[in-house]
């Protein structure tokens, strides 16, 4: 079975980090630094497998009360250990979180 990696939208995460750090003065910066620690220590990545799942329809003519309708493809989440390349990407992202979190804490303490 083929593994499919989940698409990651870094710009959306960056936008949310900026919004959180702007709305919550010091706590927002701490939350962003915490996200940085999570990414720095990341050991697994979420991927998906495509599996076939049977579909049953309610039908009272059968003993079980269900009639086989066909097969459907479903995505099943799987945790996979990351390799060195993915670990470096996670570390770079965590450094960005650290810088953004520390800058937001410093700016809120200096301004207010």
PDB file of N, CA and C in Angstrom:
ATOM      1  N   UNK A   1       0.835  -1.179   0.000  1.00  0.00           N
ATOM      2  CA  UNK A   1       0.000   0.000   0.000  1.00  0.00           C
ATOM      3  C   UNK A   1       0.880   1.243   0.000  1.00  0.00           C
ATOM      4  N   UNK A   2       0.441   2.197  -0.729  1.00  0.00           N
ATOM      5  CA  UNK A   2       1.199   3.427  -0.870  1.00  0.00           C
ATOM      6  C   UNK A   2       0.878   4.387   0.265  1.00  0.00           C
ATOM      7  N   UNK A   3       1.918   5.015   0.781  1.00  0.00           N
ATOM      8  CA  UNK A   3       1.746   5.990   1.853  1.00  0.00           C
ATOM      9  C   UNK A   3       1.658   7.387   1.237  1.00  0.00           C
ATOM     10  N   UNK A   4       0.719   8.187   1.727  1.00  0.00           N
ATOM     11  CA  UNK A   4       0.506   9.542   1.241  1.00  0.00           C
ATOM     12  C   UNK A   4       0.796  10.498   2.391  1.00  0.00           C
ATOM     13  N   UNK A   5       1.676  11.471   2.144  1.00  0.00           N
ATOM     14  CA  UNK A   5       2.015  12.450   3.172  1.00  0.00           C
ATOM     15  C   UNK A   5       0.984  13.562   3.187  1.00  0.00           C
ATOM     16  N   UNK A   6       0.634  13.991   4.388  1.00  0.00           N
ATOM     17  CA  UNK A   6      -0.334  15.074   4.534  1.00  0.00           C
ATOM     18  C   UNK A   6       0.319  16.397   4.142  1.00  0.00           C
ATOM     19  N   UNK A   7      -0.381  17.195   3.372  1.00  0.00           N
ATOM     20  CA  UNK A   7       0.128  18.494   2.922  1.00  0.00           C
ATOM     21  C   UNK A   7       0.173  19.444   4.106  1.00  0.00           C
ATOM     22  N   UNK A   8       1.285  20.146   4.237  1.00  0.00           N
ATOM     23  CA  UNK A   8       1.460  21.068   5.358  1.00  0.00           C
ATOM     24  C   UNK A   8       1.499  22.498   4.819  1.00  0.00           C
ATOM     25  N   UNK A   9       0.661  23.346   5.360  1.00  0.00           N
ATOM     26  CA  UNK A   9       0.565  24.737   4.926  1.00  0.00           C
ATOM     27  C   UNK A   9       1.296  25.625   5.930  1.00  0.00           C
ATOM     28  N   UNK A  10       2.576  25.884   5.659  1.00  0.00           N
ATOM     29  CA  UNK A  10       3.418  26.625   6.591  1.00  0.00           C
ATOM     30  C   UNK A  10       2.973  28.082   6.699  1.00  0.00           C
ATOM     31  N   UNK A  11       2.552  28.688   5.578  1.00  0.00           N
ATOM     32  CA  UNK A  11       2.134  30.092   5.611  1.00  0.00           C
ATOM     33  C   UNK A  11       0.901  30.279   6.475  1.00  0.00           C
ATOM     34  N   UNK A  12      -0.004  29.310   6.467  1.00  0.00           N
ATOM     35  CA  UNK A  12      -1.198  29.396   7.310  1.00  0.00           C
ATOM     36  C   UNK A  12      -0.799  29.293   8.783  1.00  0.00           C
ATOM     37  N   UNK A  13       0.135  28.392   9.089  1.00  0.00           N
ATOM     38  CA  UNK A  13       0.601  28.261  10.476  1.00  0.00           C
ATOM     39  C   UNK A  13       1.312  29.533  10.933  1.00  0.00           C
ATOM     40  N   UNK A  14       2.098  30.132  10.041  1.00  0.00           N
ATOM     41  CA  UNK A  14       2.783  31.378  10.373  1.00  0.00           C
ATOM     42  C   UNK A  14       1.778  32.497  10.635  1.00  0.00           C
ATOM     43  N   UNK A  15       0.743  32.570   9.803  1.00  0.00           N
ATOM     44  CA  UNK A  15      -0.296  33.586   9.994  1.00  0.00           C
ATOM     45  C   UNK A  15      -0.992  33.404  11.340  1.00  0.00           C
ATOM     46  N   UNK A  16      -1.341  32.163  11.692  1.00  0.00           N
ATOM     47  CA  UNK A  16      -1.982  31.903  12.985  1.00  0.00           C
ATOM     48  C   UNK A  16      -1.053  32.236  14.143  1.00  0.00           C
ATOM     49  N   UNK A  17       0.229  31.943  13.995  1.00  0.00           N
ATOM     50  CA  UNK A  17       1.189  32.266  15.053  1.00  0.00           C
ATOM     51  C   UNK A  17       1.265  33.775  15.264  1.00  0.00           C
ATOM     52  N   UNK A  18       1.252  34.547  14.186  1.00  0.00           N
ATOM     53  CA  UNK A  18       1.291  36.008  14.306  1.00  0.00           C
ATOM     54  C   UNK A  18       0.011  36.532  14.956  1.00  0.00           C
ATOM     55  N   UNK A  19      -1.132  35.978  14.572  1.00  0.00           N
ATOM     56  CA  UNK A  19      -2.412  36.404  15.157  1.00  0.00           C
ATOM     57  C   UNK A  19      -2.457  36.088  16.650  1.00  0.00           C
ATOM     58  N   UNK A  20      -2.034  34.877  17.018  1.00  0.00           N
ATOM     59  CA  UNK A  20      -2.053  34.481  18.438  1.00  0.00           C
ATOM     60  C   UNK A  20      -1.110  35.363  19.246  1.00  0.00           C
ATOM     61  N   UNK A  21       0.080  35.631  18.702  1.00  0.00           N
ATOM     62  CA  UNK A  21       1.027  36.459  19.454  1.00  0.00           C
ATOM     63  C   UNK A  21       0.538  37.904  19.560  1.00  0.00           C
ATOM     64  N   UNK A  22      -0.269  38.364  18.599  1.00  0.00           N
ATOM     65  CA  UNK A  22      -0.797  39.720  18.671  1.00  0.00           C
ATOM     66  C   UNK A  22      -1.970  39.846  19.625  1.00  0.00           C
ATOM     67  N   UNK A  23      -2.820  38.824  19.686  1.00  0.00           N
ATOM     68  CA  UNK A  23      -4.013  38.894  20.532  1.00  0.00           C
ATOM     69  C   UNK A  23      -3.726  38.612  22.005  1.00  0.00           C
ATOM     70  N   UNK A  24      -2.843  37.668  22.268  1.00  0.00           N
ATOM     71  CA  UNK A  24      -2.509  37.309  23.643  1.00  0.00           C
ATOM     72  C   UNK A  24      -1.094  37.797  23.928  1.00  0.00           C
ATOM     73  N   UNK A  25      -0.937  38.897  24.645  1.00  0.00           N
ATOM     74  CA  UNK A  25       0.365  39.542  24.762  1.00  0.00           C
ATOM     75  C   UNK A  25       1.544  38.624  25.107  1.00  0.00           C
ATOM     76  N   UNK A  26       1.659  38.141  26.313  1.00  0.00           N
ATOM     77  CA  UNK A  26       2.807  37.311  26.682  1.00  0.00           C
ATOM     78  C   UNK A  26       2.454  35.836  26.528  1.00  0.00           C
ATOM     79  N   UNK A  27       1.228  35.486  26.828  1.00  0.00           N
ATOM     80  CA  UNK A  27       0.801  34.092  26.737  1.00  0.00           C
ATOM     81  C   UNK A  27       0.883  33.580  25.300  1.00  0.00           C
ATOM     82  N   UNK A  28       0.573  34.418  24.329  1.00  0.00           N
ATOM     83  CA  UNK A  28       0.671  34.018  22.926  1.00  0.00           C
ATOM     84  C   UNK A  28       2.092  33.664  22.537  1.00  0.00           C
ATOM     85  N   UNK A  29       3.063  34.454  23.002  1.00  0.00           N
ATOM     86  CA  UNK A  29       4.472  34.158  22.738  1.00  0.00           C
ATOM     87  C   UNK A  29       4.904  32.849  23.362  1.00  0.00           C
ATOM     88  N   UNK A  30       4.402  32.584  24.577  1.00  0.00           N
ATOM     89  CA  UNK A  30       4.737  31.320  25.248  1.00  0.00           C
ATOM     90  C   UNK A  30       4.125  30.127  24.508  1.00  0.00           C
ATOM     91  N   UNK A  31       2.909  30.303  23.996  1.00  0.00           N
ATOM     92  CA  UNK A  31       2.264  29.230  23.224  1.00  0.00           C
ATOM     93  C   UNK A  31       3.071  28.938  21.961  1.00  0.00           C
ATOM     94  N   UNK A  32       3.554  29.986  21.299  1.00  0.00           N
ATOM     95  CA  UNK A  32       4.334  29.801  20.076  1.00  0.00           C
ATOM     96  C   UNK A  32       5.674  29.140  20.388  1.00  0.00           C
ATOM     97  N   UNK A  33       6.304  29.511  21.490  1.00  0.00           N
ATOM     98  CA  UNK A  33       7.554  28.856  21.887  1.00  0.00           C
ATOM     99  C   UNK A  33       7.301  27.385  22.208  1.00  0.00           C
ATOM    100  N   UNK A  34       6.171  27.084  22.835  1.00  0.00           N
ATOM    101  CA  UNK A  34       5.810  25.689  23.118  1.00  0.00           C
ATOM    102  C   UNK A  34       5.653  24.894  21.820  1.00  0.00           C
ATOM    103  N   UNK A  35       5.010  25.499  20.807  1.00  0.00           N
ATOM    104  CA  UNK A  35       4.895  24.833  19.493  1.00  0.00           C
ATOM    105  C   UNK A  35       6.277  24.588  18.892  1.00  0.00           C
ATOM    106  N   UNK A  36       7.201  25.503  19.145  1.00  0.00           N
ATOM    107  CA  UNK A  36       8.567  25.323  18.685  1.00  0.00           C
ATOM    108  C   UNK A  36       9.223  24.117  19.331  1.00  0.00           C
ATOM    109  N   UNK A  37       9.014  23.929  20.638  1.00  0.00           N
ATOM    110  CA  UNK A  37       9.569  22.760  21.321  1.00  0.00           C
ATOM    111  C   UNK A  37       8.953  21.468  20.794  1.00  0.00           C
ATOM    112  N   UNK A  38       7.656  21.502  20.495  1.00  0.00           N
ATOM    113  CA  UNK A  38       7.004  20.305  19.949  1.00  0.00           C
ATOM    114  C   UNK A  38       7.621  19.939  18.603  1.00  0.00           C
ATOM    115  N   UNK A  39       7.830  20.923  17.729  1.00  0.00           N
ATOM    116  CA  UNK A  39       8.437  20.649  16.429  1.00  0.00           C
ATOM    117  C   UNK A  39       9.902  20.264  16.553  1.00  0.00           C
ATOM    118  N   UNK A  40      10.622  20.820  17.528  1.00  0.00           N
ATOM    119  CA  UNK A  40      12.031  20.513  17.708  1.00  0.00           C
ATOM    120  C   UNK A  40      12.223  19.051  18.114  1.00  0.00           C
ATOM    121  N   UNK A  41      11.307  18.530  18.915  1.00  0.00           N
ATOM    122  CA  UNK A  41      11.410  17.154  19.409  1.00  0.00           C
ATOM    123  C   UNK A  41      10.546  16.176  18.626  1.00  0.00           C
ATOM    124  N   UNK A  42      10.135  16.544  17.441  1.00  0.00           N
ATOM    125  CA  UNK A  42       9.243  15.718  16.632  1.00  0.00           C
ATOM    126  C   UNK A  42       9.929  14.411  16.223  1.00  0.00           C
ATOM    127  N   UNK A  43       9.234  13.297  16.437  1.00  0.00           N
ATOM    128  CA  UNK A  43       9.788  11.988  16.098  1.00  0.00           C
ATOM    129  C   UNK A  43       8.947  11.255  15.056  1.00  0.00           C
ATOM    130  N   UNK A  44       7.697  11.648  14.904  1.00  0.00           N
ATOM    131  CA  UNK A  44       6.791  10.980  13.977  1.00  0.00           C
ATOM    132  C   UNK A  44       6.122  11.998  13.066  1.00  0.00           C
ATOM    133  N   UNK A  45       5.700  11.550  11.898  1.00  0.00           N
ATOM    134  CA  UNK A  45       4.939  12.368  10.968  1.00  0.00           C
ATOM    135  C   UNK A  45       3.678  11.585  10.613  1.00  0.00           C
ATOM    136  N   UNK A  46       2.581  12.318  10.401  1.00  0.00           N
ATOM    137  CA  UNK A  46       1.313  11.666  10.077  1.00  0.00           C
ATOM    138  C   UNK A  46       1.221  11.457   8.563  1.00  0.00           C
ATOM    139  N   UNK A  47       0.995  10.204   8.172  1.00  0.00           N
ATOM    140  CA  UNK A  47       0.808   9.871   6.772  1.00  0.00           C
ATOM    141  C   UNK A  47      -0.482   9.065   6.660  1.00  0.00           C
ATOM    142  N   UNK A  48      -0.902   8.808   5.439  1.00  0.00           N
ATOM    143  CA  UNK A  48      -2.139   8.080   5.215  1.00  0.00           C
ATOM    144  C   UNK A  48      -1.910   6.899   4.281  1.00  0.00           C
ATOM    145  N   UNK A  49      -2.667   5.832   4.542  1.00  0.00           N
ATOM    146  CA  UNK A  49      -2.747   4.692   3.642  1.00  0.00           C
ATOM    147  C   UNK A  49      -4.145   4.694   3.042  1.00  0.00           C
ATOM    148  N   UNK A  50      -4.243   4.248   1.818  1.00  0.00           N
ATOM    149  CA  UNK A  50      -5.552   4.089   1.189  1.00  0.00           C
ATOM    150  C   UNK A  50      -5.945   2.620   1.332  1.00  0.00           C
ATOM    151  N   UNK A  51      -7.069   2.372   1.989  1.00  0.00           N
ATOM    152  CA  UNK A  51      -7.570   1.014   2.155  1.00  0.00           C
ATOM    153  C   UNK A  51      -8.974   0.926   1.573  1.00  0.00           C
ATOM    154  N   UNK A  52      -9.369  -0.281   1.258  1.00  0.00           N
ATOM    155  CA  UNK A  52     -10.714  -0.516   0.743  1.00  0.00           C
ATOM    156  C   UNK A  52     -11.604  -0.993   1.888  1.00  0.00           C
ATOM    157  N   UNK A  53     -12.760  -0.355   2.015  1.00  0.00           N
ATOM    158  CA  UNK A  53     -13.694  -0.668   3.094  1.00  0.00           C
ATOM    159  C   UNK A  53     -15.010  -1.095   2.468  1.00  0.00           C
ATOM    160  N   UNK A  54     -15.591  -2.192   2.963  1.00  0.00           N
ATOM    161  CA  UNK A  54     -16.876  -2.619   2.405  1.00  0.00           C
ATOM    162  C   UNK A  54     -18.016  -1.688   2.835  1.00  0.00           C
ATOM    163  N   UNK A  55     -18.961  -1.495   1.944  1.00  0.00           N
ATOM    164  CA  UNK A  55     -20.133  -0.663   2.230  1.00  0.00           C
ATOM    165  C   UNK A  55     -21.350  -1.574   2.281  1.00  0.00           C
ATOM    166  N   UNK A  56     -22.126  -1.438   3.340  1.00  0.00           N
ATOM    167  CA  UNK A  56     -23.347  -2.221   3.500  1.00  0.00           C
ATOM    168  C   UNK A  56     -24.537  -1.280   3.568  1.00  0.00           C
ATOM    169  N   UNK A  57     -25.661  -1.726   3.002  1.00  0.00           N
ATOM    170  CA  UNK A  57     -26.895  -0.949   2.997  1.00  0.00           C
ATOM    171  C   UNK A  57     -27.940  -1.753   3.755  1.00  0.00           C
ATOM    172  N   UNK A  58     -28.764  -1.061   4.521  1.00  0.00           N
ATOM    173  CA  UNK A  58     -29.813  -1.718   5.284  1.00  0.00           C
ATOM    174  C   UNK A  58     -30.818  -2.353   4.317  1.00  0.00           C
ATOM    175  N   UNK A  59     -31.020  -3.653   4.473  1.00  0.00           N
ATOM    176  CA  UNK A  59     -31.933  -4.390   3.596  1.00  0.00           C
ATOM    177  C   UNK A  59     -32.519  -5.532   4.412  1.00  0.00           C
ATOM    178  N   UNK A  60     -33.816  -5.529   4.618  1.00  0.00           N
ATOM    179  CA  UNK A  60     -34.461  -6.495   5.502  1.00  0.00           C
ATOM    180  C   UNK A  60     -34.636  -7.857   4.851  1.00  0.00           C
ATOM    181  N   UNK A  61     -34.304  -7.994   3.579  1.00  0.00           N
ATOM    182  CA  UNK A  61     -34.429  -9.288   2.915  1.00  0.00           C
ATOM    183  C   UNK A  61     -33.322 -10.253   3.339  1.00  0.00           C
ATOM    184  N   UNK A  62     -32.244  -9.735   3.895  1.00  0.00           N
ATOM    185  CA  UNK A  62     -31.106 -10.568   4.290  1.00  0.00           C
ATOM    186  C   UNK A  62     -31.192 -10.893   5.770  1.00  0.00           C
ATOM    187  N   UNK A  63     -30.582 -12.022   6.148  1.00  0.00           N
ATOM    188  CA  UNK A  63     -30.619 -12.448   7.551  1.00  0.00           C
ATOM    189  C   UNK A  63     -29.946 -11.433   8.471  1.00  0.00           C
ATOM    190  N   UNK A  64     -28.829 -10.889   8.013  1.00  0.00           N
ATOM    191  CA  UNK A  64     -28.096  -9.926   8.842  1.00  0.00           C
ATOM    192  C   UNK A  64     -28.747  -8.547   8.845  1.00  0.00           C
ATOM    193  N   UNK A  65     -29.633  -8.301   7.900  1.00  0.00           N
ATOM    194  CA  UNK A  65     -30.271  -6.995   7.792  1.00  0.00           C
ATOM    195  C   UNK A  65     -29.451  -6.013   6.981  1.00  0.00           C
ATOM    196  N   UNK A  66     -28.337  -6.482   6.421  1.00  0.00           N
ATOM    197  CA  UNK A  66     -27.465  -5.631   5.622  1.00  0.00           C
ATOM    198  C   UNK A  66     -27.147  -6.310   4.294  1.00  0.00           C
ATOM    199  N   UNK A  67     -27.070  -5.504   3.259  1.00  0.00           N
ATOM    200  CA  UNK A  67     -26.726  -6.008   1.931  1.00  0.00           C
ATOM    201  C   UNK A  67     -25.419  -5.369   1.504  1.00  0.00           C
ATOM    202  N   UNK A  68     -24.509  -6.199   0.941  1.00  0.00           N
ATOM    203  CA  UNK A  68     -23.217  -5.688   0.474  1.00  0.00           C
ATOM    204  C   UNK A  68     -23.442  -4.832  -0.762  1.00  0.00           C
ATOM    205  N   UNK A  69     -22.984  -3.577  -0.713  1.00  0.00           N
ATOM    206  CA  UNK A  69     -23.200  -2.626  -1.802  1.00  0.00           C
ATOM    207  C   UNK A  69     -21.960  -2.467  -2.679  1.00  0.00           C
ATOM    208  N   UNK A  70     -20.784  -2.602  -2.093  1.00  0.00           N
ATOM    209  CA  UNK A  70     -19.547  -2.433  -2.853  1.00  0.00           C
ATOM    210  C   UNK A  70     -18.410  -2.052  -1.931  1.00  0.00           C
ATOM    211  N   UNK A  71     -17.316  -1.609  -2.540  1.00  0.00           N
ATOM    212  CA  UNK A  71     -16.138  -1.205  -1.777  1.00  0.00           C
ATOM    213  C   UNK A  71     -15.903   0.297  -1.954  1.00  0.00           C
ATOM    214  N   UNK A  72     -15.327   0.895  -0.931  1.00  0.00           N
ATOM    215  CA  UNK A  72     -15.049   2.332  -0.947  1.00  0.00           C
ATOM    216  C   UNK A  72     -13.619   2.536  -0.460  1.00  0.00           C
ATOM    217  N   UNK A  73     -12.916   3.507  -1.036  1.00  0.00           N
ATOM    218  CA  UNK A  73     -11.564   3.818  -0.598  1.00  0.00           C
ATOM    219  C   UNK A  73     -11.624   4.819   0.548  1.00  0.00           C
ATOM    220  N   UNK A  74     -10.893   4.515   1.623  1.00  0.00           N
ATOM    221  CA  UNK A  74     -10.834   5.410   2.782  1.00  0.00           C
ATOM    222  C   UNK A  74      -9.369   5.671   3.137  1.00  0.00           C
ATOM    223  N   UNK A  75      -9.115   6.861   3.687  1.00  0.00           N
ATOM    224  CA  UNK A  75      -7.778   7.202   4.155  1.00  0.00           C
ATOM    225  C   UNK A  75      -7.662   6.796   5.618  1.00  0.00           C
ATOM    226  N   UNK A  76      -6.633   6.006   5.920  1.00  0.00           N
ATOM    227  CA  UNK A  76      -6.389   5.556   7.289  1.00  0.00           C
ATOM    228  C   UNK A  76      -5.109   6.227   7.777  1.00  0.00           C
ATOM    229  N   UNK A  77      -5.170   7.011   8.882  1.00  0.00           N
ATOM    230  CA  UNK A  77      -3.962   7.688   9.363  1.00  0.00           C
ATOM    231  C   UNK A  77      -2.967   6.699   9.973  1.00  0.00           C
ATOM    232  N   UNK A  78      -1.676   6.941   9.706  1.00  0.00           N
ATOM    233  CA  UNK A  78      -0.593   6.105  10.212  1.00  0.00           C
ATOM    234  C   UNK A  78       0.539   7.021  10.666  1.00  0.00           C
ATOM    235  N   UNK A  79       1.143   6.709  11.824  1.00  0.00           N
ATOM    236  CA  UNK A  79       2.304   7.466  12.285  1.00  0.00           C
ATOM    237  C   UNK A  79       3.561   6.755  11.793  1.00  0.00           C
ATOM    238  N   UNK A  80       4.454   7.540  11.174  1.00  0.00           N
ATOM    239  CA  UNK A  80       5.691   6.998  10.624  1.00  0.00           C
ATOM    240  C   UNK A  80       6.858   7.778  11.216  1.00  0.00           C
ATOM    241  N   UNK A  81       7.944   7.073  11.558  1.00  0.00           N
ATOM    242  CA  UNK A  81       9.127   7.763  12.073  1.00  0.00           C
ATOM    243  C   UNK A  81       9.723   8.647  10.983  1.00  0.00           C
ATOM    244  N   UNK A  82      10.210   9.817  11.399  1.00  0.00           N
ATOM    245  CA  UNK A  82      10.755  10.751  10.412  1.00  0.00           C
ATOM    246  C   UNK A  82      12.215  10.417  10.121  1.00  0.00           C
ATOM    247  N   UNK A  83      12.639  10.759   8.913  1.00  0.00           N
ATOM    248  CA  UNK A  83      14.040  10.570   8.547  1.00  0.00           C
ATOM    249  C   UNK A  83      14.804  11.870   8.820  1.00  0.00           C
ATOM    250  N   UNK A  84      16.090  11.884   8.496  1.00  0.00           N
ATOM    251  CA  UNK A  84      16.923  13.061   8.805  1.00  0.00           C
ATOM    252  C   UNK A  84      16.480  14.313   8.059  1.00  0.00           C
ATOM    253  N   UNK A  85      16.041  14.154   6.815  1.00  0.00           N
ATOM    254  CA  UNK A  85      15.592  15.317   6.037  1.00  0.00           C
ATOM    255  C   UNK A  85      14.354  15.949   6.663  1.00  0.00           C
ATOM    256  N   UNK A  86      13.398  15.125   7.067  1.00  0.00           N
ATOM    257  CA  UNK A  86      12.191  15.637   7.708  1.00  0.00           C
ATOM    258  C   UNK A  86      12.516  16.225   9.079  1.00  0.00           C
ATOM    259  N   UNK A  87      13.495  15.641   9.763  1.00  0.00           N
ATOM    260  CA  UNK A  87      13.896  16.167  11.069  1.00  0.00           C
ATOM    261  C   UNK A  87      14.499  17.565  10.914  1.00  0.00           C
ATOM    262  N   UNK A  88      15.314  17.776   9.864  1.00  0.00           N
ATOM    263  CA  UNK A  88      15.892  19.096   9.627  1.00  0.00           C
ATOM    264  C   UNK A  88      14.810  20.125   9.297  1.00  0.00           C
ATOM    265  N   UNK A  89      13.796  19.725   8.512  1.00  0.00           N
ATOM    266  CA  UNK A  89      12.686  20.637   8.209  1.00  0.00           C
ATOM    267  C   UNK A  89      11.937  21.025   9.479  1.00  0.00           C
ATOM    268  N   UNK A  90      11.689  20.052  10.349  1.00  0.00           N
ATOM    269  CA  UNK A  90      10.982  20.329  11.604  1.00  0.00           C
ATOM    270  C   UNK A  90      11.808  21.250  12.488  1.00  0.00           C
ATOM    271  N   UNK A  91      13.129  21.048  12.507  1.00  0.00           N
ATOM    272  CA  UNK A  91      13.989  21.907  13.320  1.00  0.00           C
ATOM    273  C   UNK A  91      14.000  23.336  12.787  1.00  0.00           C
ATOM    274  N   UNK A  92      14.051  23.502  11.453  1.00  0.00           N
ATOM    275  CA  UNK A  92      14.015  24.849  10.875  1.00  0.00           C
ATOM    276  C   UNK A  92      12.699  25.549  11.225  1.00  0.00           C
ATOM    277  N   UNK A  93      11.602  24.795  11.151  1.00  0.00           N
ATOM    278  CA  UNK A  93      10.300  25.367  11.502  1.00  0.00           C
ATOM    279  C   UNK A  93      10.259  25.743  12.983  1.00  0.00           C
ATOM    280  N   UNK A  94      10.868  24.909  13.825  1.00  0.00           N
ATOM    281  CA  UNK A  94      10.869  25.206  15.258  1.00  0.00           C
ATOM    282  C   UNK A  94      11.703  26.450  15.557  1.00  0.00           C
ATOM    283  N   UNK A  95      12.823  26.654  14.824  1.00  0.00           N
ATOM    284  CA  UNK A  95      13.610  27.876  15.023  1.00  0.00           C
ATOM    285  C   UNK A  95      12.782  29.108  14.668  1.00  0.00           C
ATOM    286  N   UNK A  96      11.973  29.013  13.625  1.00  0.00           N
ATOM    287  CA  UNK A  96      11.082  30.115  13.272  1.00  0.00           C
ATOM    288  C   UNK A  96      10.087  30.409  14.374  1.00  0.00           C
ATOM    289  N   UNK A  97       9.522  29.345  14.961  1.00  0.00           N
ATOM    290  CA  UNK A  97       8.598  29.531  16.084  1.00  0.00           C
ATOM    291  C   UNK A  97       9.307  30.179  17.269  1.00  0.00           C
ATOM    292  N   UNK A  98      10.538  29.731  17.577  1.00  0.00           N
ATOM    293  CA  UNK A  98      11.279  30.306  18.699  1.00  0.00           C
ATOM    294  C   UNK A  98      11.514  31.800  18.486  1.00  0.00           C
ATOM    295  N   UNK A  99      11.970  32.171  17.300  1.00  0.00           N
ATOM    296  CA  UNK A  99      12.255  33.580  17.013  1.00  0.00           C
ATOM    297  C   UNK A  99      10.978  34.414  17.101  1.00  0.00           C
ATOM    298  N   UNK A 100       9.897  33.923  16.480  1.00  0.00           N
ATOM    299  CA  UNK A 100       8.634  34.663  16.507  1.00  0.00           C
ATOM    300  C   UNK A 100       8.098  34.791  17.934  1.00  0.00           C
ATOM    301  N   UNK A 101       8.174  33.738  18.723  1.00  0.00           N
ATOM    302  CA  UNK A 101       7.688  33.779  20.100  1.00  0.00           C
ATOM    303  C   UNK A 101       8.485  34.723  20.971  1.00  0.00           C
ATOM    304  N   UNK A 102       9.805  34.664  20.868  1.00  0.00           N
ATOM    305  CA  UNK A 102      10.655  35.542  21.681  1.00  0.00           C
ATOM    306  C   UNK A 102      10.483  36.996  21.264  1.00  0.00           C
ATOM    307  N   UNK A 103      10.397  37.250  19.959  1.00  0.00           N
ATOM    308  CA  UNK A 103      10.178  38.623  19.494  1.00  0.00           C
ATOM    309  C   UNK A 103       8.838  39.177  19.967  1.00  0.00           C
ATOM    310  N   UNK A 104       7.799  38.341  19.945  1.00  0.00           N
ATOM    311  CA  UNK A 104       6.493  38.841  20.394  1.00  0.00           C
ATOM    312  C   UNK A 104       6.492  39.132  21.888  1.00  0.00           C
ATOM    313  N   UNK A 105       7.175  38.303  22.671  1.00  0.00           N
ATOM    314  CA  UNK A 105       7.248  38.568  24.126  1.00  0.00           C
ATOM    315  C   UNK A 105       8.032  39.852  24.382  1.00  0.00           C
ATOM    316  N   UNK A 106       9.165  40.013  23.704  1.00  0.00           N
ATOM    317  CA  UNK A 106       9.980  41.214  23.906  1.00  0.00           C
ATOM    318  C   UNK A 106       9.236  42.473  23.490  1.00  0.00           C
ATOM    319  N   UNK A 107       8.560  42.440  22.339  1.00  0.00           N
ATOM    320  CA  UNK A 107       7.832  43.635  21.889  1.00  0.00           C
ATOM    321  C   UNK A 107       6.682  43.986  22.815  1.00  0.00           C
ATOM    322  N   UNK A 108       5.975  42.983  23.338  1.00  0.00           N
ATOM    323  CA  UNK A 108       4.881  43.284  24.257  1.00  0.00           C
ATOM    324  C   UNK A 108       5.400  43.798  25.592  1.00  0.00           C
ATOM    325  N   UNK A 109       6.559  43.321  26.058  1.00  0.00           N
ATOM    326  CA  UNK A 109       7.099  43.818  27.317  1.00  0.00           C
ATOM    327  C   UNK A 109       7.663  45.229  27.160  1.00  0.00           C
ATOM    328  N   UNK A 110       8.246  45.541  26.018  1.00  0.00           N
ATOM    329  CA  UNK A 110       8.833  46.874  25.791  1.00  0.00           C
ATOM    330  C   UNK A 110       7.734  47.907  25.548  1.00  0.00           C
ATOM    331  N   UNK A 111       6.729  47.531  24.743  1.00  0.00           N
ATOM    332  CA  UNK A 111       5.663  48.482  24.404  1.00  0.00           C
ATOM    333  C   UNK A 111       4.738  48.729  25.595  1.00  0.00           C
ATOM    334  N   UNK A 112       4.407  47.679  26.348  1.00  0.00           N
ATOM    335  CA  UNK A 112       3.454  47.863  27.454  1.00  0.00           C
ATOM    336  C   UNK A 112       4.152  47.837  28.737  1.00  0.00           C
TER     337      UNK A 112
END
